[in-house]
Amino acid sequence: MISHGRRGWLGAHHDAAEALANAGFIVVTINHPTDTERDTSGTDSLAVMVERPADIKRSIDYALGGWPDAAHIDAGRIGLFGFSWGGYTGLAAIGGEPDLRKGLPNCQTSNLRACKELEEGEKPSGPVVHDPRIKAAVIIDPYPVFVFPAENLKSATIPVQLWSSDPAQNADGLSGCCAADVKDRLPSKPDYHFVGDAKHFSFLAVCTPRETKESARICTDAPGFDRVAFHQRLYAEAVAFFRAHLGNAGTR
């Protein structure tokens, strides 16, 4: 399962999907409704914080049940790859319990829409669902993480590979902000990777020339940073991690 970031889309990590598929894994990517590039009506909202993990569970339900080739999936070997808000989604799906209440520390000074809603007295529409069928997760630059104090991650016990961009590139307000904090809160030590000179968006798929022209903020890396070479390393590490904890793909 691949979970995209804020205002992303199911193709945002197409090169990750390709690398995993080439390694023999069945890959499912989805659009998170109301938090995509074409529909931002729910972006940053309390509703999306609840709905994103539910999207993952429903997708796994379909893949194992309604999908015509469901028989090819080993239900005991499911992994998740999540970036940014997809990292939040992954942490919640694997057992993290986000603290969604009025008066949450750090929320009163945050411009996050969900924080404003909580401070105005809104409550989550329901519980955040977890999916114990997920057995390993690659979590990249998760955001937001202040909703996960250590005690709220105590049930996130599966193997996690955690990636962090470089806070020295934090002109975007996102780079290096969060993964290091999660590293020390997870109950089991993650396979942690700090990527020097990487911006937050350096983890997105390599941009075409047209995309670079239209989305310079997302597509432009720090001077000297080679996104192509880095992604080769990233996906080699992710494939090795999933193989180590889910078994070799393509075998039953």
C-alpha atoms as a PDB file:
ATOM      1  CA  MET A   1       0.000   0.000   0.000  1.00  0.00           C
ATOM      2  CA  ILE A   2       1.271   3.468  -0.902  1.00  0.00           C
ATOM      3  CA  SER A   3      -0.149   6.543   0.860  1.00  0.00           C
ATOM      4  CA  HIS A   4       0.589   9.901  -0.764  1.00  0.00           C
ATOM      5  CA  GLY A   5       1.231  13.197   0.968  1.00  0.00           C
ATOM      6  CA  ARG A   6      -0.841  16.329   1.443  1.00  0.00           C
ATOM      7  CA  ARG A   7      -2.622  17.327  -1.769  1.00  0.00           C
ATOM      8  CA  GLY A   8      -0.845  14.518  -3.572  1.00  0.00           C
ATOM      9  CA  TRP A   9      -2.161  11.802  -5.832  1.00  0.00           C
ATOM     10  CA  LEU A  10      -1.771   8.101  -6.492  1.00  0.00           C
ATOM     11  CA  GLY A  11       1.015   8.702  -9.015  1.00  0.00           C
ATOM     12  CA  ALA A  12       3.166  10.858  -6.750  1.00  0.00           C
ATOM     13  CA  HIS A  13       5.394   7.874  -5.979  1.00  0.00           C
ATOM     14  CA  HIS A  14       5.111   6.080  -9.288  1.00  0.00           C
ATOM     15  CA  ASP A  15       8.826   5.280  -9.291  1.00  0.00           C
ATOM     16  CA  ALA A  16       8.499   3.664  -5.850  1.00  0.00           C
ATOM     17  CA  ALA A  17       5.569   1.636  -7.124  1.00  0.00           C
ATOM     18  CA  GLU A  18       7.601   0.577 -10.144  1.00  0.00           C
ATOM     19  CA  ALA A  19      10.605  -0.429  -8.046  1.00  0.00           C
ATOM     20  CA  LEU A  20       8.451  -2.504  -5.694  1.00  0.00           C
ATOM     21  CA  ALA A  21       6.540  -4.093  -8.568  1.00  0.00           C
ATOM     22  CA  ASN A  22       9.805  -4.929 -10.351  1.00  0.00           C
ATOM     23  CA  ALA A  23      10.910  -6.637  -7.133  1.00  0.00           C
ATOM     24  CA  GLY A  24       7.811  -8.855  -7.295  1.00  0.00           C
ATOM     25  CA  PHE A  25       5.436  -7.061  -4.951  1.00  0.00           C
ATOM     26  CA  ILE A  26       1.801  -6.317  -5.738  1.00  0.00           C
ATOM     27  CA  VAL A  27       1.467  -2.534  -5.342  1.00  0.00           C
ATOM     28  CA  VAL A  28      -1.737  -0.628  -4.577  1.00  0.00           C
ATOM     29  CA  THR A  29      -1.778   3.173  -4.768  1.00  0.00           C
ATOM     30  CA  ILE A  30      -4.833   5.263  -3.973  1.00  0.00           C
ATOM     31  CA  ASN A  31      -6.065   8.829  -3.943  1.00  0.00           C
ATOM     32  CA  HIS A  32      -7.104   9.944  -0.466  1.00  0.00           C
ATOM     33  CA  PRO A  33     -10.502  11.618  -1.096  1.00  0.00           C
ATOM     34  CA  THR A  34     -10.677  15.381  -0.405  1.00  0.00           C
ATOM     35  CA  ASP A  35      -6.892  15.589   0.026  1.00  0.00           C
ATOM     36  CA  THR A  36      -5.603  15.336  -3.527  1.00  0.00           C
ATOM     37  CA  GLU A  37      -4.238  17.769  -6.067  1.00  0.00           C
ATOM     38  CA  ARG A  38      -7.701  17.953  -7.680  1.00  0.00           C
ATOM     39  CA  ASP A  39      -9.789  18.053  -4.503  1.00  0.00           C
ATOM     40  CA  THR A  40      -8.299  19.857  -1.517  1.00  0.00           C
ATOM     41  CA  SER A  41     -11.586  20.403   0.293  1.00  0.00           C
ATOM     42  CA  GLY A  42     -10.514  18.282   3.247  1.00  0.00           C
ATOM     43  CA  THR A  43      -6.796  19.053   3.291  1.00  0.00           C
ATOM     44  CA  ASP A  44      -5.363  19.423   6.823  1.00  0.00           C
ATOM     45  CA  SER A  45      -8.780  18.807   8.360  1.00  0.00           C
ATOM     46  CA  LEU A  46      -9.766  16.757  11.373  1.00  0.00           C
ATOM     47  CA  ALA A  47     -11.948  14.652   9.081  1.00  0.00           C
ATOM     48  CA  VAL A  48      -8.985  13.718   6.887  1.00  0.00           C
ATOM     49  CA  MET A  49      -6.942  12.716   9.944  1.00  0.00           C
ATOM     50  CA  VAL A  50      -9.619  10.134  10.694  1.00  0.00           C
ATOM     51  CA  GLU A  51     -10.418   9.160   7.119  1.00  0.00           C
ATOM     52  CA  ARG A  52      -6.897   8.600   5.775  1.00  0.00           C
ATOM     53  CA  PRO A  53      -6.166   5.443   7.845  1.00  0.00           C
ATOM     54  CA  ALA A  54      -9.680   4.211   7.023  1.00  0.00           C
ATOM     55  CA  ASP A  55      -8.875   4.636   3.318  1.00  0.00           C
ATOM     56  CA  ILE A  56      -5.949   2.255   3.754  1.00  0.00           C
ATOM     57  CA  LYS A  57      -8.054  -0.345   5.551  1.00  0.00           C
ATOM     58  CA  ARG A  58     -10.811  -0.191   2.920  1.00  0.00           C
ATOM     59  CA  SER A  59      -8.255  -0.553   0.138  1.00  0.00           C
ATOM     60  CA  ILE A  60      -6.744  -3.633   1.779  1.00  0.00           C
ATOM     61  CA  ASP A  61     -10.243  -5.028   2.295  1.00  0.00           C
ATOM     62  CA  TYR A  62     -10.896  -4.628  -1.428  1.00  0.00           C
ATOM     63  CA  ALA A  63      -7.526  -5.996  -2.496  1.00  0.00           C
ATOM     64  CA  LEU A  64      -8.070  -9.130  -0.415  1.00  0.00           C
ATOM     65  CA  GLY A  65     -11.752  -9.529  -1.200  1.00  0.00           C
ATOM     66  CA  GLY A  66     -13.203  -7.717  -4.192  1.00  0.00           C
ATOM     67  CA  TRP A  67     -10.174  -7.586  -6.485  1.00  0.00           C
ATOM     68  CA  PRO A  68     -10.387 -10.298  -9.178  1.00  0.00           C
ATOM     69  CA  ASP A  69      -6.762 -11.375  -8.547  1.00  0.00           C
ATOM     70  CA  ALA A  70      -7.043 -11.391  -4.754  1.00  0.00           C
ATOM     71  CA  ALA A  71      -5.906 -15.021  -4.653  1.00  0.00           C
ATOM     72  CA  HIS A  72      -2.416 -13.862  -5.621  1.00  0.00           C
ATOM     73  CA  ILE A  73      -2.033 -11.820  -2.420  1.00  0.00           C
ATOM     74  CA  ASP A  74      -0.580 -13.323   0.734  1.00  0.00           C
ATOM     75  CA  ALA A  75      -2.714 -11.670   3.431  1.00  0.00           C
ATOM     76  CA  GLY A  76      -0.021 -12.347   5.998  1.00  0.00           C
ATOM     77  CA  ARG A  77       2.598 -10.236   4.198  1.00  0.00           C
ATOM     78  CA  ILE A  78       1.243  -6.733   3.691  1.00  0.00           C
ATOM     79  CA  GLY A  79       3.456  -3.649   3.804  1.00  0.00           C
ATOM     80  CA  LEU A  80       2.858   0.100   3.696  1.00  0.00           C
ATOM     81  CA  PHE A  81       4.855   2.978   2.185  1.00  0.00           C
ATOM     82  CA  GLY A  82       3.790   6.440   3.347  1.00  0.00           C
ATOM     83  CA  PHE A  83       5.197   9.933   2.732  1.00  0.00           C
ATOM     84  CA  SER A  84       4.483  13.128   4.713  1.00  0.00           C
ATOM     85  CA  TRP A  85       0.759  13.013   5.493  1.00  0.00           C
ATOM     86  CA  GLY A  86       1.018   9.478   4.145  1.00  0.00           C
ATOM     87  CA  GLY A  87       3.573   8.942   6.910  1.00  0.00           C
ATOM     88  CA  TYR A  88       1.013  10.142   9.452  1.00  0.00           C
ATOM     89  CA  THR A  89      -1.467   7.802   7.786  1.00  0.00           C
ATOM     90  CA  GLY A  90       0.957   4.915   8.093  1.00  0.00           C
ATOM     91  CA  LEU A  91       1.706   5.560  11.763  1.00  0.00           C
ATOM     92  CA  ALA A  92      -2.013   5.647  12.518  1.00  0.00           C
ATOM     93  CA  ALA A  93      -2.750   2.542  10.435  1.00  0.00           C
ATOM     94  CA  ILE A  94      -0.072   0.468  12.194  1.00  0.00           C
ATOM     95  CA  GLY A  95      -1.375   1.239  15.664  1.00  0.00           C
ATOM     96  CA  GLY A  96      -0.575   4.872  16.446  1.00  0.00           C
ATOM     97  CA  GLU A  97      -3.391   6.642  18.272  1.00  0.00           C
ATOM     98  CA  PRO A  98      -3.388  10.354  17.345  1.00  0.00           C
ATOM     99  CA  ASP A  99      -4.288  12.649  20.211  1.00  0.00           C
ATOM    100  CA  LEU A 100      -7.168  14.625  18.718  1.00  0.00           C
ATOM    101  CA  ARG A 101      -8.517  16.839  21.488  1.00  0.00           C
ATOM    102  CA  LYS A 102      -8.905  20.485  22.363  1.00  0.00           C
ATOM    103  CA  GLY A 103      -5.893  21.900  24.169  1.00  0.00           C
ATOM    104  CA  LEU A 104      -3.419  19.586  22.491  1.00  0.00           C
ATOM    105  CA  PRO A 105       0.143  20.836  23.120  1.00  0.00           C
ATOM    106  CA  ASN A 106       1.577  22.558  20.009  1.00  0.00           C
ATOM    107  CA  CYS A 107      -1.861  22.779  18.435  1.00  0.00           C
ATOM    108  CA  GLN A 108      -2.687  26.227  19.765  1.00  0.00           C
ATOM    109  CA  THR A 109       0.251  27.734  17.883  1.00  0.00           C
ATOM    110  CA  SER A 110      -0.170  25.610  14.754  1.00  0.00           C
ATOM    111  CA  ASN A 111      -1.859  26.820  11.580  1.00  0.00           C
ATOM    112  CA  LEU A 112      -3.104  23.301  10.889  1.00  0.00           C
ATOM    113  CA  ARG A 113      -6.778  23.332   9.978  1.00  0.00           C
ATOM    114  CA  ALA A 114      -7.426  20.347  12.254  1.00  0.00           C
ATOM    115  CA  CYS A 115      -5.998  22.287  15.199  1.00  0.00           C
ATOM    116  CA  LYS A 116      -8.334  25.201  14.558  1.00  0.00           C
ATOM    117  CA  GLU A 117     -11.260  22.816  14.358  1.00  0.00           C
ATOM    118  CA  LEU A 118     -10.280  21.141  17.632  1.00  0.00           C
ATOM    119  CA  GLU A 119      -9.832  24.478  19.385  1.00  0.00           C
ATOM    120  CA  GLU A 120     -13.300  25.483  18.161  1.00  0.00           C
ATOM    121  CA  GLY A 121     -14.758  22.425  19.850  1.00  0.00           C
ATOM    122  CA  GLU A 122     -15.089  20.043  16.925  1.00  0.00           C
ATOM    123  CA  LYS A 123     -14.590  16.372  17.653  1.00  0.00           C
ATOM    124  CA  PRO A 124     -13.368  13.526  15.427  1.00  0.00           C
ATOM    125  CA  SER A 125     -16.145  11.858  13.451  1.00  0.00           C
ATOM    126  CA  GLY A 126     -15.132   8.501  14.882  1.00  0.00           C
ATOM    127  CA  PRO A 127     -12.164   6.476  16.100  1.00  0.00           C
ATOM    128  CA  VAL A 128      -8.999   6.229  14.030  1.00  0.00           C
ATOM    129  CA  VAL A 129      -8.899   2.697  12.644  1.00  0.00           C
ATOM    130  CA  HIS A 130      -5.806   0.524  12.686  1.00  0.00           C
ATOM    131  CA  ASP A 131      -5.020  -2.452  10.486  1.00  0.00           C
ATOM    132  CA  PRO A 132      -3.062  -5.309  12.078  1.00  0.00           C
ATOM    133  CA  ARG A 133      -2.730  -6.932   8.653  1.00  0.00           C
ATOM    134  CA  ILE A 134       0.095  -4.463   7.925  1.00  0.00           C
ATOM    135  CA  LYS A 135       3.302  -6.206   8.996  1.00  0.00           C
ATOM    136  CA  ALA A 136       6.000  -3.690   7.994  1.00  0.00           C
ATOM    137  CA  ALA A 137       6.047  -0.006   7.072  1.00  0.00           C
ATOM    138  CA  VAL A 138       8.361   2.454   5.327  1.00  0.00           C
ATOM    139  CA  ILE A 139       7.569   5.867   6.808  1.00  0.00           C
ATOM    140  CA  ILE A 140       9.062   8.973   5.157  1.00  0.00           C
ATOM    141  CA  ASP A 141       9.104  12.475   6.689  1.00  0.00           C
ATOM    142  CA  PRO A 142       5.818  11.906   8.564  1.00  0.00           C
ATOM    143  CA  TYR A 143       3.667  14.964   9.254  1.00  0.00           C
ATOM    144  CA  PRO A 144       2.067  15.972  11.573  1.00  0.00           C
ATOM    145  CA  VAL A 145       3.704  14.036  14.413  1.00  0.00           C
ATOM    146  CA  PHE A 146       2.937  16.201  17.448  1.00  0.00           C
ATOM    147  CA  VAL A 147      -0.343  14.260  17.657  1.00  0.00           C
ATOM    148  CA  PHE A 148       1.689  11.160  18.535  1.00  0.00           C
ATOM    149  CA  PRO A 149       3.286  11.417  21.993  1.00  0.00           C
ATOM    150  CA  ALA A 150       5.307   8.319  22.838  1.00  0.00           C
ATOM    151  CA  GLU A 151       2.508   6.680  24.810  1.00  0.00           C
ATOM    152  CA  ASN A 152       0.244   6.975  21.763  1.00  0.00           C
ATOM    153  CA  LEU A 153       2.693   4.989  19.626  1.00  0.00           C
ATOM    154  CA  LYS A 154       3.127   2.079  22.032  1.00  0.00           C
ATOM    155  CA  SER A 155       0.967  -0.188  19.850  1.00  0.00           C
ATOM    156  CA  ALA A 156       2.948   0.606  16.681  1.00  0.00           C
ATOM    157  CA  THR A 157       5.208  -2.378  17.226  1.00  0.00           C
ATOM    158  CA  ILE A 158       5.750  -3.698  13.703  1.00  0.00           C
ATOM    159  CA  PRO A 159       9.100  -3.151  11.934  1.00  0.00           C
ATOM    160  CA  VAL A 160       9.454   0.404  10.627  1.00  0.00           C
ATOM    161  CA  GLN A 161      11.980   1.881   8.221  1.00  0.00           C
ATOM    162  CA  LEU A 162      12.038   5.620   8.897  1.00  0.00           C
ATOM    163  CA  TRP A 163      13.475   8.268   6.557  1.00  0.00           C
ATOM    164  CA  SER A 164      14.258  11.897   7.338  1.00  0.00           C
ATOM    165  CA  SER A 165      15.099  14.859   5.145  1.00  0.00           C
ATOM    166  CA  ASP A 166      17.636  17.449   6.280  1.00  0.00           C
ATOM    167  CA  PRO A 167      16.585  20.264   8.656  1.00  0.00           C
ATOM    168  CA  ALA A 168      19.302  22.391   7.050  1.00  0.00           C
ATOM    169  CA  GLN A 169      16.938  22.586   4.060  1.00  0.00           C
ATOM    170  CA  ASN A 170      14.008  23.737   6.187  1.00  0.00           C
ATOM    171  CA  ALA A 171      13.261  26.913   4.248  1.00  0.00           C
ATOM    172  CA  ASP A 172      10.106  25.074   3.169  1.00  0.00           C
ATOM    173  CA  GLY A 173       9.020  24.601   6.795  1.00  0.00           C
ATOM    174  CA  LEU A 174       8.856  20.838   6.374  1.00  0.00           C
ATOM    175  CA  SER A 175      12.317  19.438   5.746  1.00  0.00           C
ATOM    176  CA  GLY A 176      13.765  17.539   8.687  1.00  0.00           C
ATOM    177  CA  CYS A 177      10.928  18.566  10.969  1.00  0.00           C
ATOM    178  CA  CYS A 178       9.531  15.309  12.178  1.00  0.00           C
ATOM    179  CA  ALA A 179      11.080  11.923  11.561  1.00  0.00           C
ATOM    180  CA  ALA A 180      13.781  12.353  14.204  1.00  0.00           C
ATOM    181  CA  ASP A 181      11.099  12.944  16.828  1.00  0.00           C
ATOM    182  CA  VAL A 182       9.223   9.800  15.812  1.00  0.00           C
ATOM    183  CA  LYS A 183      12.437   7.762  15.926  1.00  0.00           C
ATOM    184  CA  ASP A 184      12.678   8.227  19.667  1.00  0.00           C
ATOM    185  CA  ARG A 185       8.974   7.617  20.307  1.00  0.00           C
ATOM    186  CA  LEU A 186       8.479   4.283  18.553  1.00  0.00           C
ATOM    187  CA  PRO A 187       8.505   1.330  20.960  1.00  0.00           C
ATOM    188  CA  SER A 188      10.975  -0.607  18.810  1.00  0.00           C
ATOM    189  CA  LYS A 189      14.063   0.970  17.275  1.00  0.00           C
ATOM    190  CA  PRO A 190      13.337   1.723  13.597  1.00  0.00           C
ATOM    191  CA  ASP A 191      15.679   1.266  10.663  1.00  0.00           C
ATOM    192  CA  TYR A 192      16.470   4.985  10.551  1.00  0.00           C
ATOM    193  CA  HIS A 193      17.902   6.836   7.553  1.00  0.00           C
ATOM    194  CA  PHE A 194      18.894  10.510   7.658  1.00  0.00           C
ATOM    195  CA  VAL A 195      19.448  11.957   4.178  1.00  0.00           C
ATOM    196  CA  GLY A 196      21.815  14.921   4.170  1.00  0.00           C
ATOM    197  CA  ASP A 197      20.851  17.810   1.858  1.00  0.00           C
ATOM    198  CA  ALA A 198      17.483  16.204   1.053  1.00  0.00           C
ATOM    199  CA  LYS A 199      14.486  18.489   1.027  1.00  0.00           C
ATOM    200  CA  HIS A 200      11.068  17.201   2.068  1.00  0.00           C
ATOM    201  CA  PHE A 201       9.954  16.999  -1.542  1.00  0.00           C
ATOM    202  CA  SER A 202      13.143  15.231  -2.636  1.00  0.00           C
ATOM    203  CA  PHE A 203      11.334  12.012  -1.753  1.00  0.00           C
ATOM    204  CA  LEU A 204       8.732  12.572  -4.458  1.00  0.00           C
ATOM    205  CA  ALA A 205       9.199  10.985  -7.862  1.00  0.00           C
ATOM    206  CA  VAL A 206      11.823  12.482 -10.163  1.00  0.00           C
ATOM    207  CA  CYS A 207      10.234  15.345 -12.091  1.00  0.00           C
ATOM    208  CA  THR A 208       9.965  15.689 -15.836  1.00  0.00           C
ATOM    209  CA  PRO A 209      11.188  18.964 -17.389  1.00  0.00           C
ATOM    210  CA  ARG A 210       7.566  20.109 -17.691  1.00  0.00           C
ATOM    211  CA  GLU A 211       6.859  19.324 -14.034  1.00  0.00           C
ATOM    212  CA  THR A 212      10.010  21.172 -13.009  1.00  0.00           C
ATOM    213  CA  LYS A 213       8.839  24.243 -14.904  1.00  0.00           C
ATOM    214  CA  GLU A 214       5.330  24.097 -13.421  1.00  0.00           C
ATOM    215  CA  SER A 215       6.250  23.043  -9.860  1.00  0.00           C
ATOM    216  CA  ALA A 216       9.724  24.389  -9.113  1.00  0.00           C
ATOM    217  CA  ARG A 217       9.194  24.226  -5.323  1.00  0.00           C
ATOM    218  CA  ILE A 218       8.535  20.490  -5.447  1.00  0.00           C
ATOM    219  CA  CYS A 219      10.995  19.612  -8.165  1.00  0.00           C
ATOM    220  CA  THR A 220      14.054  21.693  -7.251  1.00  0.00           C
ATOM    221  CA  ASP A 221      16.551  20.023  -4.933  1.00  0.00           C
ATOM    222  CA  ALA A 222      19.468  21.486  -3.009  1.00  0.00           C
ATOM    223  CA  PRO A 223      22.566  22.268  -5.111  1.00  0.00           C
ATOM    224  CA  GLY A 224      24.488  19.081  -5.764  1.00  0.00           C
ATOM    225  CA  PHE A 225      21.705  16.777  -4.583  1.00  0.00           C
ATOM    226  CA  ASP A 226      21.049  14.021  -7.136  1.00  0.00           C
ATOM    227  CA  ARG A 227      17.426  12.917  -6.790  1.00  0.00           C
ATOM    228  CA  VAL A 228      17.806  10.161  -9.381  1.00  0.00           C
ATOM    229  CA  ALA A 229      20.755   8.555  -7.599  1.00  0.00           C
ATOM    230  CA  PHE A 230      19.123   9.021  -4.205  1.00  0.00           C
ATOM    231  CA  HIS A 231      15.918   7.320  -5.312  1.00  0.00           C
ATOM    232  CA  GLN A 232      17.896   4.317  -6.512  1.00  0.00           C
ATOM    233  CA  ARG A 233      19.293   4.014  -2.999  1.00  0.00           C
ATOM    234  CA  LEU A 234      15.924   4.690  -1.340  1.00  0.00           C
ATOM    235  CA  TYR A 235      14.105   2.000  -3.253  1.00  0.00           C
ATOM    236  CA  ALA A 236      16.904  -0.531  -2.900  1.00  0.00           C
ATOM    237  CA  GLU A 237      16.721  -0.016   0.877  1.00  0.00           C
ATOM    238  CA  ALA A 238      12.911  -0.191   0.888  1.00  0.00           C
ATOM    239  CA  VAL A 239      12.858  -3.400  -1.152  1.00  0.00           C
ATOM    240  CA  ALA A 240      15.477  -4.979   1.101  1.00  0.00           C
ATOM    241  CA  PHE A 241      13.506  -3.931   4.191  1.00  0.00           C
ATOM    242  CA  PHE A 242      10.234  -5.359   2.925  1.00  0.00           C
ATOM    243  CA  ARG A 243      11.941  -8.579   1.849  1.00  0.00           C
ATOM    244  CA  ALA A 244      13.527  -8.914   5.280  1.00  0.00           C
ATOM    245  CA  HIS A 245      10.232  -8.487   7.122  1.00  0.00           C
ATOM    246  CA  LEU A 246       7.651  -9.764   4.642  1.00  0.00           C
ATOM    247  CA  GLY A 247       9.665 -12.429   2.856  1.00  0.00           C
ATOM    248  CA  ASN A 248      10.739 -12.575  -0.771  1.00  0.00           C
ATOM    249  CA  ALA A 249       8.055 -11.253  -3.094  1.00  0.00           C
ATOM    250  CA  GLY A 250       6.657 -13.609  -5.665  1.00  0.00           C
ATOM    251  CA  THR A 251       6.710 -16.665  -3.404  1.00  0.00           C
ATOM    252  CA  ARG A 252       3.892 -18.166  -1.358  1.00  0.00           C
END
